[in-house]
Amino acid sequence: GNYSDTLSPPSLQHPFGTDSYGRDLFARTLYAARLDLQIGLITTYFPFLLGLIVGAVGGYFGGWVDTIIMRIVDVAIAFPFMVLIIVVMVILGPGVQNMYIAIFLLGWTMYARLARAEMLVVREQEYIQAAKALGYGHIRIIFRHAVPNILTSSIIFSMSDLVLNILLASSISFLGLGVQPPTPEWGAIITEGRDFLLQAWWISTLPGIAIVITGLGFSFIGDGLARLLGQRNIQTV
């Protein structure tokens, strides 16, 4: 940082201004985008894979396997997601790795519910019954024949979940439990600017706008995917 240039407003030299340490906020916001997107992708698609597998297996076999899986899911969903994440983070301690663990422990449950609901329909279809009649194994039927046909809803949901996980990571960092300073992260930057809102509004406001723009971008991608996959399904039928 440049201590002779602290709390400078946005200018041509510093498009987002500088913070209380004289650090360029535009550079920190761009660097934070890489970290937040990484956090969003990891906390979305690892739970996506686990939830898809667990839900597909439960929906396919039914019976006690499905009952056990759904009771675990029901218990996890019964409590507010954010509260559970904070509790786990308090137990494990602050940091990015512990944030990954906390979200992974709970984030797979919604994908499991989606996959199970889709599998309950798909397992009654004629091509699944034909695969059983031909003597194919359960693993082949589930992952080669059923899973490709239950992916659509989970993929569409994952785009909105990605936005929520980026916001969640920023919120956790804002509370001081996620990314620790001086590592730039949108929520952590907003927290640093909290004490300077009246004299340096740009420290918290501009990274906040970056979060909003990113969220809107992924929301539009999710809408586009929903239309594209919906049209493909109609053409297939």
C-alpha atoms as a PDB file:
ATOM      1  CA  GLY A   1       0.000   0.000   0.000  1.00  0.00           C
ATOM      2  CA  ASN A   2       0.913   3.657  -0.432  1.00  0.00           C
ATOM      3  CA  TYR A   3       0.354   5.399   2.899  1.00  0.00           C
ATOM      4  CA  SER A   4       0.582   8.837   1.278  1.00  0.00           C
ATOM      5  CA  ASP A   5      -2.458   7.996  -0.868  1.00  0.00           C
ATOM      6  CA  THR A   6      -4.928   6.572   1.652  1.00  0.00           C
ATOM      7  CA  LEU A   7      -8.717   6.835   1.250  1.00  0.00           C
ATOM      8  CA  SER A   8      -8.436   8.436  -2.197  1.00  0.00           C
ATOM      9  CA  PRO A   9     -11.758   8.622  -4.095  1.00  0.00           C
ATOM     10  CA  PRO A  10     -12.214   6.889  -7.472  1.00  0.00           C
ATOM     11  CA  SER A  11     -10.062   8.485 -10.179  1.00  0.00           C
ATOM     12  CA  LEU A  12      -8.358   7.628 -13.473  1.00  0.00           C
ATOM     13  CA  GLN A  13      -5.324   6.376 -11.546  1.00  0.00           C
ATOM     14  CA  HIS A  14      -7.440   4.381  -9.072  1.00  0.00           C
ATOM     15  CA  PRO A  15     -10.849   3.555 -10.684  1.00  0.00           C
ATOM     16  CA  PHE A  16     -12.221   2.169  -7.397  1.00  0.00           C
ATOM     17  CA  GLY A  17     -10.221   4.513  -5.156  1.00  0.00           C
ATOM     18  CA  THR A  18      -7.901   3.345  -2.377  1.00  0.00           C
ATOM     19  CA  ASP A  19      -8.482   1.949   1.100  1.00  0.00           C
ATOM     20  CA  SER A  20      -7.185   2.996   4.513  1.00  0.00           C
ATOM     21  CA  TYR A  21      -3.795   1.414   3.725  1.00  0.00           C
ATOM     22  CA  GLY A  22      -3.475   3.130   0.344  1.00  0.00           C
ATOM     23  CA  ARG A  23      -4.080  -0.103  -1.586  1.00  0.00           C
ATOM     24  CA  ASP A  24      -5.734   0.089  -5.014  1.00  0.00           C
ATOM     25  CA  LEU A  25      -9.296  -1.222  -4.600  1.00  0.00           C
ATOM     26  CA  PHE A  26      -9.774  -2.034  -8.286  1.00  0.00           C
ATOM     27  CA  ALA A  27      -6.808  -4.428  -8.242  1.00  0.00           C
ATOM     28  CA  ARG A  28      -7.983  -5.975  -4.959  1.00  0.00           C
ATOM     29  CA  THR A  29     -11.545  -6.377  -6.275  1.00  0.00           C
ATOM     30  CA  LEU A  30     -10.294  -8.106  -9.443  1.00  0.00           C
ATOM     31  CA  TYR A  31      -8.051 -10.426  -7.433  1.00  0.00           C
ATOM     32  CA  ALA A  32     -10.941 -11.143  -5.061  1.00  0.00           C
ATOM     33  CA  ALA A  33     -13.132 -12.101  -8.060  1.00  0.00           C
ATOM     34  CA  ARG A  34     -10.782 -15.007  -8.808  1.00  0.00           C
ATOM     35  CA  LEU A  35     -10.954 -16.229  -5.207  1.00  0.00           C
ATOM     36  CA  ASP A  36     -14.735 -15.794  -4.897  1.00  0.00           C
ATOM     37  CA  LEU A  37     -15.417 -17.587  -8.175  1.00  0.00           C
ATOM     38  CA  GLN A  38     -13.126 -20.415  -7.087  1.00  0.00           C
ATOM     39  CA  ILE A  39     -14.977 -20.669  -3.771  1.00  0.00           C
ATOM     40  CA  GLY A  40     -18.331 -20.561  -5.575  1.00  0.00           C
ATOM     41  CA  LEU A  41     -17.398 -23.320  -8.046  1.00  0.00           C
ATOM     42  CA  ILE A  42     -15.894 -25.630  -5.415  1.00  0.00           C
ATOM     43  CA  THR A  43     -18.739 -25.171  -2.916  1.00  0.00           C
ATOM     44  CA  THR A  44     -21.325 -25.754  -5.659  1.00  0.00           C
ATOM     45  CA  TYR A  45     -20.067 -28.601  -7.820  1.00  0.00           C
ATOM     46  CA  PHE A  46     -18.521 -30.920  -5.234  1.00  0.00           C
ATOM     47  CA  PRO A  47     -21.840 -30.995  -3.314  1.00  0.00           C
ATOM     48  CA  PHE A  48     -23.559 -31.247  -6.733  1.00  0.00           C
ATOM     49  CA  LEU A  49     -21.720 -34.499  -7.519  1.00  0.00           C
ATOM     50  CA  LEU A  50     -22.266 -36.015  -4.075  1.00  0.00           C
ATOM     51  CA  GLY A  51     -25.949 -35.028  -3.935  1.00  0.00           C
ATOM     52  CA  LEU A  52     -26.581 -36.311  -7.458  1.00  0.00           C
ATOM     53  CA  ILE A  53     -25.059 -39.720  -6.659  1.00  0.00           C
ATOM     54  CA  VAL A  54     -26.735 -40.081  -3.260  1.00  0.00           C
ATOM     55  CA  GLY A  55     -30.147 -38.937  -4.523  1.00  0.00           C
ATOM     56  CA  ALA A  56     -29.977 -41.132  -7.638  1.00  0.00           C
ATOM     57  CA  VAL A  57     -29.051 -44.222  -5.602  1.00  0.00           C
ATOM     58  CA  GLY A  58     -31.781 -43.557  -3.021  1.00  0.00           C
ATOM     59  CA  GLY A  59     -34.459 -42.927  -5.641  1.00  0.00           C
ATOM     60  CA  TYR A  60     -33.468 -45.974  -7.695  1.00  0.00           C
ATOM     61  CA  PHE A  61     -33.399 -48.543  -4.891  1.00  0.00           C
ATOM     62  CA  GLY A  62     -36.119 -47.067  -2.666  1.00  0.00           C
ATOM     63  CA  GLY A  63     -36.913 -48.951   0.554  1.00  0.00           C
ATOM     64  CA  TRP A  64     -34.629 -48.601   3.568  1.00  0.00           C
ATOM     65  CA  VAL A  65     -31.794 -47.085   1.502  1.00  0.00           C
ATOM     66  CA  ASP A  66     -34.052 -44.235   0.404  1.00  0.00           C
ATOM     67  CA  THR A  67     -35.505 -43.842   3.913  1.00  0.00           C
ATOM     68  CA  ILE A  68     -32.099 -43.457   5.588  1.00  0.00           C
ATOM     69  CA  ILE A  69     -30.861 -40.979   2.971  1.00  0.00           C
ATOM     70  CA  MET A  70     -34.003 -38.851   3.136  1.00  0.00           C
ATOM     71  CA  ARG A  71     -34.051 -38.762   6.944  1.00  0.00           C
ATOM     72  CA  ILE A  72     -30.487 -37.399   6.887  1.00  0.00           C
ATOM     73  CA  VAL A  73     -31.527 -34.842   4.284  1.00  0.00           C
ATOM     74  CA  ASP A  74     -34.644 -33.858   6.261  1.00  0.00           C
ATOM     75  CA  VAL A  75     -32.625 -33.276   9.432  1.00  0.00           C
ATOM     76  CA  ALA A  76     -30.112 -31.093   7.552  1.00  0.00           C
ATOM     77  CA  ILE A  77     -32.840 -29.055   5.819  1.00  0.00           C
ATOM     78  CA  ALA A  78     -34.888 -28.618   9.025  1.00  0.00           C
ATOM     79  CA  PHE A  79     -32.384 -26.053  10.342  1.00  0.00           C
ATOM     80  CA  PRO A  80     -31.562 -22.665   8.760  1.00  0.00           C
ATOM     81  CA  PHE A  81     -28.663 -23.229   6.364  1.00  0.00           C
ATOM     82  CA  MET A  82     -26.726 -20.094   7.325  1.00  0.00           C
ATOM     83  CA  VAL A  83     -27.015 -20.835  11.052  1.00  0.00           C
ATOM     84  CA  LEU A  84     -25.673 -24.379  10.570  1.00  0.00           C
ATOM     85  CA  ILE A  85     -22.770 -23.081   8.457  1.00  0.00           C
ATOM     86  CA  ILE A  86     -21.837 -20.558  11.168  1.00  0.00           C
ATOM     87  CA  VAL A  87     -22.058 -23.246  13.880  1.00  0.00           C
ATOM     88  CA  VAL A  88     -19.756 -25.564  11.908  1.00  0.00           C
ATOM     89  CA  MET A  89     -17.362 -22.681  11.187  1.00  0.00           C
ATOM     90  CA  VAL A  90     -17.228 -21.743  14.865  1.00  0.00           C
ATOM     91  CA  ILE A  91     -16.404 -25.368  15.743  1.00  0.00           C
ATOM     92  CA  LEU A  92     -13.777 -25.811  12.993  1.00  0.00           C
ATOM     93  CA  GLY A  93     -12.367 -22.285  13.158  1.00  0.00           C
ATOM     94  CA  PRO A  94     -12.079 -19.514  10.536  1.00  0.00           C
ATOM     95  CA  GLY A  95     -10.434 -20.035   7.149  1.00  0.00           C
ATOM     96  CA  VAL A  96     -11.183 -20.974   3.547  1.00  0.00           C
ATOM     97  CA  GLN A  97     -10.618 -24.727   3.957  1.00  0.00           C
ATOM     98  CA  ASN A  98     -12.998 -24.929   6.918  1.00  0.00           C
ATOM     99  CA  MET A  99     -15.553 -22.923   4.933  1.00  0.00           C
ATOM    100  CA  TYR A 100     -15.298 -25.533   2.142  1.00  0.00           C
ATOM    101  CA  ILE A 101     -15.885 -28.315   4.673  1.00  0.00           C
ATOM    102  CA  ALA A 102     -18.850 -26.543   6.319  1.00  0.00           C
ATOM    103  CA  ILE A 103     -20.671 -25.861   3.038  1.00  0.00           C
ATOM    104  CA  PHE A 104     -19.832 -29.310   1.632  1.00  0.00           C
ATOM    105  CA  LEU A 105     -21.311 -31.024   4.721  1.00  0.00           C
ATOM    106  CA  LEU A 106     -24.679 -29.378   4.095  1.00  0.00           C
ATOM    107  CA  GLY A 107     -24.783 -28.220   0.474  1.00  0.00           C
ATOM    108  CA  TRP A 108     -25.317 -31.664  -1.086  1.00  0.00           C
ATOM    109  CA  THR A 109     -28.762 -32.123   0.487  1.00  0.00           C
ATOM    110  CA  MET A 110     -30.737 -30.026  -2.027  1.00  0.00           C
ATOM    111  CA  TYR A 111     -29.135 -31.839  -4.964  1.00  0.00           C
ATOM    112  CA  ALA A 112     -29.962 -35.164  -3.314  1.00  0.00           C
ATOM    113  CA  ARG A 113     -33.645 -34.168  -3.061  1.00  0.00           C
ATOM    114  CA  LEU A 114     -33.731 -33.038  -6.689  1.00  0.00           C
ATOM    115  CA  ALA A 115     -31.990 -36.160  -8.007  1.00  0.00           C
ATOM    116  CA  ARG A 116     -34.189 -38.460  -5.928  1.00  0.00           C
ATOM    117  CA  ALA A 117     -37.392 -36.804  -7.174  1.00  0.00           C
ATOM    118  CA  GLU A 118     -36.240 -37.128 -10.789  1.00  0.00           C
ATOM    119  CA  MET A 119     -35.110 -40.735 -10.274  1.00  0.00           C
ATOM    120  CA  LEU A 120     -38.495 -41.777  -8.842  1.00  0.00           C
ATOM    121  CA  VAL A 121     -39.991 -40.847 -12.222  1.00  0.00           C
ATOM    122  CA  VAL A 122     -37.179 -42.139 -14.436  1.00  0.00           C
ATOM    123  CA  ARG A 123     -36.917 -45.578 -12.797  1.00  0.00           C
ATOM    124  CA  GLU A 124     -40.448 -46.403 -14.023  1.00  0.00           C
ATOM    125  CA  GLN A 125     -39.653 -45.534 -17.642  1.00  0.00           C
ATOM    126  CA  GLU A 126     -39.625 -48.274 -20.255  1.00  0.00           C
ATOM    127  CA  TYR A 127     -35.933 -47.985 -21.124  1.00  0.00           C
ATOM    128  CA  ILE A 128     -34.974 -48.568 -17.475  1.00  0.00           C
ATOM    129  CA  GLN A 129     -37.272 -51.596 -17.291  1.00  0.00           C
ATOM    130  CA  ALA A 130     -35.759 -52.861 -20.560  1.00  0.00           C
ATOM    131  CA  ALA A 131     -32.235 -52.450 -19.159  1.00  0.00           C
ATOM    132  CA  LYS A 132     -33.246 -54.497 -16.106  1.00  0.00           C
ATOM    133  CA  ALA A 133     -34.770 -57.170 -18.335  1.00  0.00           C
ATOM    134  CA  LEU A 134     -31.528 -57.387 -20.302  1.00  0.00           C
ATOM    135  CA  GLY A 135     -29.707 -58.132 -17.070  1.00  0.00           C
ATOM    136  CA  TYR A 136     -27.656 -54.949 -16.805  1.00  0.00           C
ATOM    137  CA  GLY A 137     -26.167 -54.253 -13.366  1.00  0.00           C
ATOM    138  CA  HIS A 138     -27.579 -51.586 -11.068  1.00  0.00           C
ATOM    139  CA  ILE A 139     -24.486 -49.373 -11.352  1.00  0.00           C
ATOM    140  CA  ARG A 140     -24.657 -49.378 -15.159  1.00  0.00           C
ATOM    141  CA  ILE A 141     -28.384 -48.641 -15.158  1.00  0.00           C
ATOM    142  CA  ILE A 142     -28.054 -45.787 -12.649  1.00  0.00           C
ATOM    143  CA  PHE A 143     -25.020 -43.984 -14.041  1.00  0.00           C
ATOM    144  CA  ARG A 144     -25.190 -44.782 -17.750  1.00  0.00           C
ATOM    145  CA  HIS A 145     -28.931 -44.779 -18.407  1.00  0.00           C
ATOM    146  CA  ALA A 146     -30.690 -42.896 -15.595  1.00  0.00           C
ATOM    147  CA  VAL A 147     -28.315 -40.148 -14.420  1.00  0.00           C
ATOM    148  CA  PRO A 148     -27.926 -38.452 -17.859  1.00  0.00           C
ATOM    149  CA  ASN A 149     -31.712 -38.068 -17.896  1.00  0.00           C
ATOM    150  CA  ILE A 150     -32.004 -36.511 -14.429  1.00  0.00           C
ATOM    151  CA  LEU A 151     -29.190 -33.961 -14.792  1.00  0.00           C
ATOM    152  CA  THR A 152     -31.171 -31.059 -16.251  1.00  0.00           C
ATOM    153  CA  SER A 153     -32.910 -29.778 -13.112  1.00  0.00           C
ATOM    154  CA  SER A 154     -29.742 -30.119 -11.012  1.00  0.00           C
ATOM    155  CA  ILE A 155     -27.629 -28.233 -13.582  1.00  0.00           C
ATOM    156  CA  ILE A 156     -30.158 -25.386 -13.740  1.00  0.00           C
ATOM    157  CA  PHE A 157     -30.396 -25.246  -9.941  1.00  0.00           C
ATOM    158  CA  SER A 158     -26.592 -25.220  -9.652  1.00  0.00           C
ATOM    159  CA  MET A 159     -26.390 -21.823 -11.393  1.00  0.00           C
ATOM    160  CA  SER A 160     -28.571 -20.142  -8.770  1.00  0.00           C
ATOM    161  CA  ASP A 161     -26.800 -22.133  -6.059  1.00  0.00           C
ATOM    162  CA  LEU A 162     -23.460 -20.827  -7.350  1.00  0.00           C
ATOM    163  CA  VAL A 163     -24.687 -17.255  -6.871  1.00  0.00           C
ATOM    164  CA  LEU A 164     -25.936 -18.072  -3.367  1.00  0.00           C
ATOM    165  CA  ASN A 165     -22.614 -19.702  -2.446  1.00  0.00           C
ATOM    166  CA  ILE A 166     -20.643 -16.647  -3.590  1.00  0.00           C
ATOM    167  CA  LEU A 167     -22.938 -14.481  -1.456  1.00  0.00           C
ATOM    168  CA  LEU A 168     -22.608 -16.983   1.397  1.00  0.00           C
ATOM    169  CA  ALA A 169     -18.792 -16.898   1.193  1.00  0.00           C
ATOM    170  CA  SER A 170     -18.863 -13.092   1.213  1.00  0.00           C
ATOM    171  CA  SER A 171     -21.227 -13.107   4.201  1.00  0.00           C
ATOM    172  CA  ILE A 172     -19.037 -15.549   6.139  1.00  0.00           C
ATOM    173  CA  SER A 173     -15.952 -13.449   5.387  1.00  0.00           C
ATOM    174  CA  PHE A 174     -17.876 -10.304   6.376  1.00  0.00           C
ATOM    175  CA  LEU A 175     -18.487 -11.943   9.769  1.00  0.00           C
ATOM    176  CA  GLY A 176     -14.754 -12.678  10.082  1.00  0.00           C
ATOM    177  CA  LEU A 177     -15.079 -16.467   9.778  1.00  0.00           C
ATOM    178  CA  GLY A 178     -14.073 -16.967   6.143  1.00  0.00           C
ATOM    179  CA  VAL A 179     -11.164 -15.506   4.190  1.00  0.00           C
ATOM    180  CA  GLN A 180      -8.821 -13.754   6.591  1.00  0.00           C
ATOM    181  CA  PRO A 181      -7.194 -10.372   5.871  1.00  0.00           C
ATOM    182  CA  PRO A 182      -5.058  -9.208   4.179  1.00  0.00           C
ATOM    183  CA  THR A 183      -6.188 -11.700   1.474  1.00  0.00           C
ATOM    184  CA  PRO A 184      -8.603  -9.768  -0.787  1.00  0.00           C
ATOM    185  CA  GLU A 185     -12.129 -11.200  -0.839  1.00  0.00           C
ATOM    186  CA  TRP A 186     -15.306  -9.260  -1.560  1.00  0.00           C
ATOM    187  CA  GLY A 187     -16.899  -9.808   1.849  1.00  0.00           C
ATOM    188  CA  ALA A 188     -13.633  -9.117   3.672  1.00  0.00           C
ATOM    189  CA  ILE A 189     -13.089  -5.891   1.681  1.00  0.00           C
ATOM    190  CA  ILE A 190     -16.619  -4.728   2.531  1.00  0.00           C
ATOM    191  CA  THR A 191     -15.906  -5.438   6.198  1.00  0.00           C
ATOM    192  CA  GLU A 192     -12.702  -3.366   6.051  1.00  0.00           C
ATOM    193  CA  GLY A 193     -14.672  -0.439   4.606  1.00  0.00           C
ATOM    194  CA  ARG A 194     -17.390  -0.618   7.243  1.00  0.00           C
ATOM    195  CA  ASP A 195     -15.591   1.871   9.528  1.00  0.00           C
ATOM    196  CA  PHE A 196     -15.149   4.381   6.689  1.00  0.00           C
ATOM    197  CA  LEU A 197     -18.650   4.434   5.183  1.00  0.00           C
ATOM    198  CA  LEU A 198     -19.186   8.170   5.724  1.00  0.00           C
ATOM    199  CA  GLN A 199     -15.757   9.344   4.525  1.00  0.00           C
ATOM    200  CA  ALA A 200     -14.890   6.602   1.970  1.00  0.00           C
ATOM    201  CA  TRP A 201     -18.120   5.035   0.679  1.00  0.00           C
ATOM    202  CA  TRP A 202     -16.322   3.421  -2.274  1.00  0.00           C
ATOM    203  CA  ILE A 203     -14.463   0.840  -0.152  1.00  0.00           C
ATOM    204  CA  SER A 204     -17.637  -1.109   0.661  1.00  0.00           C
ATOM    205  CA  THR A 205     -19.923   0.024  -2.171  1.00  0.00           C
ATOM    206  CA  LEU A 206     -17.910  -0.844  -5.288  1.00  0.00           C
ATOM    207  CA  PRO A 207     -16.978  -4.439  -4.260  1.00  0.00           C
ATOM    208  CA  GLY A 208     -20.651  -4.826  -3.291  1.00  0.00           C
ATOM    209  CA  ILE A 209     -21.650  -3.796  -6.818  1.00  0.00           C
ATOM    210  CA  ALA A 210     -19.182  -6.397  -8.163  1.00  0.00           C
ATOM    211  CA  ILE A 211     -21.022  -9.073  -6.159  1.00  0.00           C
ATOM    212  CA  VAL A 212     -24.393  -7.919  -7.551  1.00  0.00           C
ATOM    213  CA  ILE A 213     -23.119  -7.911 -11.168  1.00  0.00           C
ATOM    214  CA  THR A 214     -21.617 -11.388 -10.760  1.00  0.00           C
ATOM    215  CA  GLY A 215     -24.866 -12.695  -9.279  1.00  0.00           C
ATOM    216  CA  LEU A 216     -26.920 -11.226 -12.136  1.00  0.00           C
ATOM    217  CA  GLY A 217     -24.521 -12.708 -14.689  1.00  0.00           C
ATOM    218  CA  PHE A 218     -24.857 -16.246 -13.349  1.00  0.00           C
ATOM    219  CA  SER A 219     -28.635 -15.800 -13.002  1.00  0.00           C
ATOM    220  CA  PHE A 220     -28.862 -14.929 -16.712  1.00  0.00           C
ATOM    221  CA  ILE A 221     -26.681 -17.952 -17.554  1.00  0.00           C
ATOM    222  CA  GLY A 222     -29.047 -20.131 -15.491  1.00  0.00           C
ATOM    223  CA  ASP A 223     -32.084 -18.745 -17.347  1.00  0.00           C
ATOM    224  CA  GLY A 224     -30.398 -19.381 -20.686  1.00  0.00           C
ATOM    225  CA  LEU A 225     -29.514 -22.951 -19.695  1.00  0.00           C
ATOM    226  CA  ALA A 226     -33.086 -23.574 -18.550  1.00  0.00           C
ATOM    227  CA  ARG A 227     -34.450 -22.473 -21.941  1.00  0.00           C
ATOM    228  CA  LEU A 228     -31.783 -24.374 -23.898  1.00  0.00           C
ATOM    229  CA  LEU A 229     -32.185 -27.634 -21.987  1.00  0.00           C
ATOM    230  CA  GLY A 230     -35.972 -27.267 -21.976  1.00  0.00           C
ATOM    231  CA  GLN A 231     -36.056 -26.901 -25.770  1.00  0.00           C
ATOM    232  CA  ARG A 232     -33.718 -29.897 -26.137  1.00  0.00           C
ATOM    233  CA  ASN A 233     -35.990 -32.016 -23.963  1.00  0.00           C
ATOM    234  CA  ILE A 234     -39.033 -31.000 -26.028  1.00  0.00           C
ATOM    235  CA  GLN A 235     -37.208 -31.884 -29.271  1.00  0.00           C
ATOM    236  CA  THR A 236     -36.161 -35.238 -27.799  1.00  0.00           C
ATOM    237  CA  VAL A 237     -39.729 -36.057 -26.835  1.00  0.00           C
END
